[in-house]
Amino acid sequence: MNPRIEPARPADRPRLVEVWEAAVRATHHFLPEEDLQFYKRMLREQYFDLVRLTCLRDGDGTVQGFSGTAEDRLEMLFVHPDCHGRGFGKALLRDAIAHHGTRLVDVNEQNPGAVAFYLAQGFEQIGRSPLDGADKPFPLLHLRLRAGA
């Protein structure tokens, strides 16, 4: 059975946190443990409630990735590292573009794999901020989907 993309359910949230933490530990090597725990708490307590959550389930029905969108912004996209390289992130991104009008995304400058991913998917850099959305010193690149991409 092929992976499927569908709206996340409230019961999925503990698994979404697991996927997020595994993905962040695998890709956000610049993030100190203290900050990782801060964002994990914020994810559970606030961030999930600010976005439309979509999950990707594998053939067994296990959530292996998810995205969060708000208006025309992709606010989060994470895939479990065991599933990296299988097209799950691309599938979630394409779904966000096609069904949720995603045109903008911010990505951590210190995460070169994510930067390369979005650029390869048709995004272009339109700006940079020295601080992230929580005013922490993790620079963000502001990206926009190129016309026709």
Foldseek 3Di string as FASTA:
>chain_A
DAKDKDFDDPVCVVVQLVQVLQQCVVFVVVDDPVVSVVVSVCVVPPVVVQFGKMFIAGPVRRTQWIWTDDQQETEDITGRPVCPPVCPRVVRVVCCCVPVVHFKYKDFPSRVVVVVVVVVVQKDFDDKDCADPVRHRGIITIIGHDPPD
